[in-house]
Amino acid sequence: MNYYQEISLLSNAEINFFSLWSKTFQQIHLGLVEIQDAQKRVPIGLSFPEYKLGEKFGVLGSKLRLFAPDETVLTQFDADKRLGRLSDYVHCTGIRPVPGAVKGYAIYQREQPKTGRERLARRYARRHGLDYETAFNGKVELSARYDNTTECERMLMSYSEMPHKTITTPFIRLKSLSNGNTFCLWIKKTDVENYNDGTFTTYGLSSTATVPEF
């Protein structure tokens, strides 16, 4: 990855910051869908230079970087035009070469955690034709895993009795292009020492390809 463009989300009382992330990222995603190849791969990778993960929650910050192996890819993608409707709320830099000295590399990938008992109950209700309250409070057969072991035990319990799990991975709320449903795109960051080439998904993420950190 030799060139990048940085997008900054601007603080504004007119629009909620989380909503601005959703609107910005949705447009970037739509653009990446347009340039994907037959295997749904794209040459542009994303990073979040202000990404932070705490004990209780994580944040993406206010900046997004688009990386590509050559300047032409970013020029043709034209992030400024794609974000034209949001020009009062975001700022795009020009396309720049990646600095010669970088702090390291990172992998930004999609994470799909089990986001909680409420979500699991909704899925169970859909699969079994039940209303949410019945699925959430009724007894179902669930798997319980012992701490620090690989053993599982099947037991009858309700989703309402499951312990609440806190997920610290930051996310962006998006609308599915296929069915219009809203979902959370959880984004996990892993710091690595060495550069690894590769392509990215239509979310600009990858489980193997790296982007530079600086």
Protein backbone atom coordinates (compact mmCIF):
# COMPACT_ATOMS: atom_id res chain seq x y z
CA MET A 1 0.00 0.00 0.00
CA ASN A 2 1.79 3.07 -1.30
CA TYR A 3 -0.88 5.80 -1.33
CA TYR A 4 -3.63 6.89 1.01
CA GLN A 5 -6.39 9.44 1.50
CA GLU A 6 -7.65 10.51 4.91
CA ILE A 7 -11.26 11.34 5.76
CA SER A 8 -12.06 13.29 8.93
CA LEU A 9 -15.51 13.37 10.48
CA LEU A 10 -16.24 16.88 11.73
CA SER A 11 -18.01 17.55 15.01
CA ASN A 12 -21.39 19.11 14.27
CA ALA A 13 -24.49 19.74 16.36
CA GLU A 14 -26.75 18.99 13.39
CA ILE A 15 -25.93 15.29 13.16
CA ASN A 16 -25.18 12.59 15.72
CA PHE A 17 -21.56 11.39 15.47
CA PHE A 18 -22.55 7.71 15.29
CA SER A 19 -25.06 8.54 12.56
CA LEU A 20 -22.34 10.40 10.68
CA TRP A 21 -20.10 7.31 10.83
CA SER A 22 -22.97 5.25 9.43
CA LYS A 23 -23.67 7.65 6.56
CA THR A 24 -19.97 8.06 5.71
CA PHE A 25 -19.11 4.39 5.81
CA GLN A 26 -22.25 3.42 3.89
CA GLN A 27 -21.11 5.58 0.96
CA ILE A 28 -17.59 4.15 1.07
CA HIS A 29 -19.02 0.62 1.14
CA LEU A 30 -21.27 1.37 -1.84
CA GLY A 31 -18.23 2.59 -3.76
CA LEU A 32 -16.22 -0.52 -2.91
CA VAL A 33 -19.10 -2.72 -4.04
CA GLU A 34 -18.96 -0.97 -7.42
CA ILE A 35 -15.26 -1.75 -7.95
CA GLN A 36 -15.20 -5.33 -6.64
CA ASP A 37 -14.00 -8.13 -8.90
CA ALA A 38 -15.76 -11.44 -9.60
CA GLN A 39 -14.54 -12.80 -6.24
CA LYS A 40 -15.90 -9.73 -4.39
CA ARG A 41 -12.40 -8.46 -3.68
CA VAL A 42 -11.28 -4.83 -3.85
CA PRO A 43 -7.81 -3.21 -4.00
CA ILE A 44 -8.60 -0.59 -1.34
CA GLY A 45 -8.04 -1.23 2.36
CA LEU A 46 -9.22 0.90 5.26
CA SER A 47 -7.73 1.88 8.60
CA PHE A 48 -8.91 3.82 11.63
CA PRO A 49 -5.88 5.74 12.97
CA GLU A 50 -7.67 6.79 16.19
CA TYR A 51 -8.94 3.28 16.99
CA LYS A 52 -8.87 2.53 20.73
CA LEU A 53 -10.02 -0.48 22.69
CA GLY A 54 -10.79 -0.14 26.39
CA GLU A 55 -11.98 -2.49 29.10
CA LYS A 56 -15.63 -1.47 28.70
CA PHE A 57 -15.87 -0.22 25.12
CA GLY A 58 -13.88 0.64 22.01
CA VAL A 59 -13.99 3.67 19.72
CA LEU A 60 -13.13 4.21 16.07
CA GLY A 61 -12.24 7.86 16.56
CA SER A 62 -12.99 10.46 13.92
CA LYS A 63 -10.68 9.49 11.05
CA LEU A 64 -10.74 6.96 8.24
CA ARG A 65 -7.90 6.22 5.83
CA LEU A 66 -8.21 4.62 2.40
CA PHE A 67 -5.11 2.79 1.14
CA ALA A 68 -4.27 1.55 -2.34
CA PRO A 69 -1.17 0.19 -4.08
CA ASP A 70 -1.10 3.07 -6.56
CA GLU A 71 -2.49 6.58 -6.85
CA THR A 72 -4.71 5.78 -9.84
CA VAL A 73 -6.92 3.45 -7.79
CA LEU A 74 -7.79 6.18 -5.29
CA THR A 75 -8.19 8.79 -8.01
CA GLN A 76 -10.71 6.63 -9.86
CA PHE A 77 -12.53 5.76 -6.62
CA ASP A 78 -13.01 9.51 -6.01
CA ALA A 79 -13.95 9.57 -2.31
CA ASP A 80 -14.62 13.33 -2.48
CA LYS A 81 -17.39 12.82 -5.02
CA ARG A 82 -18.88 9.84 -3.19
CA LEU A 83 -19.08 11.88 0.01
CA GLY A 84 -20.29 15.02 -1.74
CA ARG A 85 -23.65 15.00 0.09
CA LEU A 86 -21.75 15.01 3.39
CA SER A 87 -19.31 17.78 2.49
CA ASP A 88 -20.46 19.91 5.45
CA TYR A 89 -19.67 17.10 7.87
CA VAL A 90 -16.54 15.39 6.52
CA HIS A 91 -13.20 16.55 5.14
CA CYS A 92 -11.13 14.63 2.61
CA THR A 93 -7.43 15.29 2.13
CA GLY A 94 -5.72 14.93 -1.19
CA ILE A 95 -4.13 11.63 -2.17
CA ARG A 96 -0.72 11.30 -0.55
CA PRO A 97 2.17 8.83 -0.60
CA VAL A 98 2.47 6.68 2.51
CA PRO A 99 5.38 7.95 4.66
CA GLY A 100 8.64 6.10 4.29
CA ALA A 101 8.84 5.38 8.01
CA VAL A 102 5.77 3.78 9.58
CA LYS A 103 5.11 2.65 13.16
CA GLY A 104 4.01 -0.79 12.05
CA TYR A 105 1.12 -2.54 10.39
CA ALA A 106 -2.36 -3.59 11.35
CA ILE A 107 -5.11 -5.90 10.21
CA TYR A 108 -8.63 -4.52 10.36
CA GLN A 109 -11.18 -7.28 9.99
CA ARG A 110 -14.87 -7.88 10.49
CA GLU A 111 -15.79 -9.54 13.76
CA GLN A 112 -19.14 -11.25 14.25
CA PRO A 113 -19.52 -11.75 17.99
CA LYS A 114 -22.52 -13.28 19.66
CA THR A 115 -23.83 -9.89 20.62
CA GLY A 116 -26.04 -10.96 23.49
CA ARG A 117 -28.98 -12.92 24.71
CA GLU A 118 -31.53 -10.55 23.12
CA ARG A 119 -30.10 -11.11 19.64
CA LEU A 120 -29.92 -14.86 20.17
CA ALA A 121 -33.53 -14.89 21.35
CA ARG A 122 -34.66 -12.97 18.27
CA ARG A 123 -32.89 -15.45 16.00
CA TYR A 124 -34.46 -18.37 17.89
CA ALA A 125 -37.89 -16.77 17.56
CA ARG A 126 -37.50 -16.39 13.79
CA ARG A 127 -36.30 -19.97 13.34
CA HIS A 128 -39.12 -21.47 15.39
CA GLY A 129 -41.99 -19.12 14.54
CA LEU A 130 -42.31 -17.73 18.07
CA ASP A 131 -42.90 -14.23 19.39
CA TYR A 132 -39.91 -12.56 21.04
CA GLU A 133 -41.19 -12.71 24.63
CA THR A 134 -41.82 -16.44 24.42
CA ALA A 135 -38.40 -17.07 22.91
CA PHE A 136 -36.64 -14.84 25.45
CA ASN A 137 -38.32 -16.22 28.58
CA GLY A 138 -39.10 -19.81 27.58
CA LYS A 139 -36.83 -22.76 28.40
CA VAL A 140 -34.67 -23.96 25.51
CA GLU A 141 -31.76 -26.38 25.28
CA LEU A 142 -28.51 -24.41 25.30
CA SER A 143 -24.82 -25.31 25.40
CA ALA A 144 -22.74 -24.24 28.40
CA ARG A 145 -18.94 -24.31 28.20
CA TYR A 146 -16.83 -24.75 31.30
CA ASP A 147 -14.16 -22.13 31.97
CA ASN A 148 -10.75 -22.95 30.47
CA THR A 149 -11.96 -26.25 28.98
CA THR A 150 -13.36 -27.51 25.71
CA GLU A 151 -16.15 -29.46 27.39
CA CYS A 152 -19.77 -28.51 26.77
CA GLU A 153 -22.90 -29.40 28.67
CA ARG A 154 -26.43 -29.24 27.31
CA MET A 155 -28.96 -27.74 29.70
CA LEU A 156 -32.46 -26.27 29.72
CA MET A 157 -32.51 -22.58 30.46
CA SER A 158 -34.01 -19.39 29.06
CA TYR A 159 -32.13 -16.69 27.18
CA SER A 160 -33.21 -14.30 29.94
CA GLU A 161 -31.13 -16.35 32.39
CA MET A 162 -27.96 -16.13 30.32
CA PRO A 163 -25.27 -13.83 31.73
CA HIS A 164 -24.96 -10.53 29.88
CA LYS A 165 -21.83 -10.35 27.74
CA THR A 166 -20.12 -7.01 27.21
CA ILE A 167 -18.60 -6.56 23.74
CA THR A 168 -15.86 -3.96 23.58
CA THR A 169 -15.20 -4.11 19.84
CA PRO A 170 -16.30 -0.84 18.17
CA PHE A 171 -18.89 -1.00 15.42
CA ILE A 172 -20.63 0.99 12.71
CA ARG A 173 -24.36 0.61 12.14
CA LEU A 174 -25.14 0.00 8.46
CA LYS A 175 -28.05 -0.91 6.23
CA SER A 176 -27.85 -4.15 4.28
CA LEU A 177 -27.81 -3.68 0.51
CA SER A 178 -29.59 -7.00 0.01
CA ASN A 179 -32.57 -6.78 2.38
CA GLY A 180 -32.50 -3.24 3.82
CA ASN A 181 -32.13 -4.45 7.40
CA THR A 182 -29.90 -2.54 9.82
CA PHE A 183 -26.93 -4.40 11.28
CA CYS A 184 -23.74 -3.73 13.22
CA LEU A 185 -20.38 -4.03 11.46
CA TRP A 186 -17.98 -4.88 14.29
CA ILE A 187 -14.38 -3.97 13.43
CA LYS A 188 -11.46 -5.74 15.10
CA LYS A 189 -7.91 -4.43 14.93
CA THR A 190 -4.79 -6.58 15.27
CA ASP A 191 -1.31 -5.02 15.35
CA VAL A 192 1.33 -6.97 13.43
CA GLU A 193 5.03 -6.44 12.79
CA ASN A 194 5.29 -7.25 9.11
CA TYR A 195 3.55 -6.15 5.94
CA ASN A 196 1.30 -8.72 4.30
CA ASP A 197 -0.04 -8.11 0.80
CA GLY A 198 -3.57 -9.00 -0.23
CA THR A 199 -7.00 -7.78 -1.22
CA PHE A 200 -9.93 -6.58 0.84
CA THR A 201 -13.66 -7.10 1.14
CA THR A 202 -16.28 -4.57 0.06
CA TYR A 203 -16.02 -3.17 3.60
CA GLY A 204 -12.32 -2.43 3.03
CA LEU A 205 -11.44 -5.06 5.65
CA SER A 206 -9.37 -8.25 5.56
CA SER A 207 -8.46 -11.11 7.88
CA THR A 208 -4.90 -11.28 6.45
CA ALA A 209 -3.93 -8.18 4.44
CA THR A 210 -2.29 -5.35 6.38
CA VAL A 211 -2.35 -1.57 6.17
CA PRO A 212 0.41 0.73 7.47
CA GLU A 213 0.10 2.57 10.77
CA PHE A 214 1.58 6.07 11.14
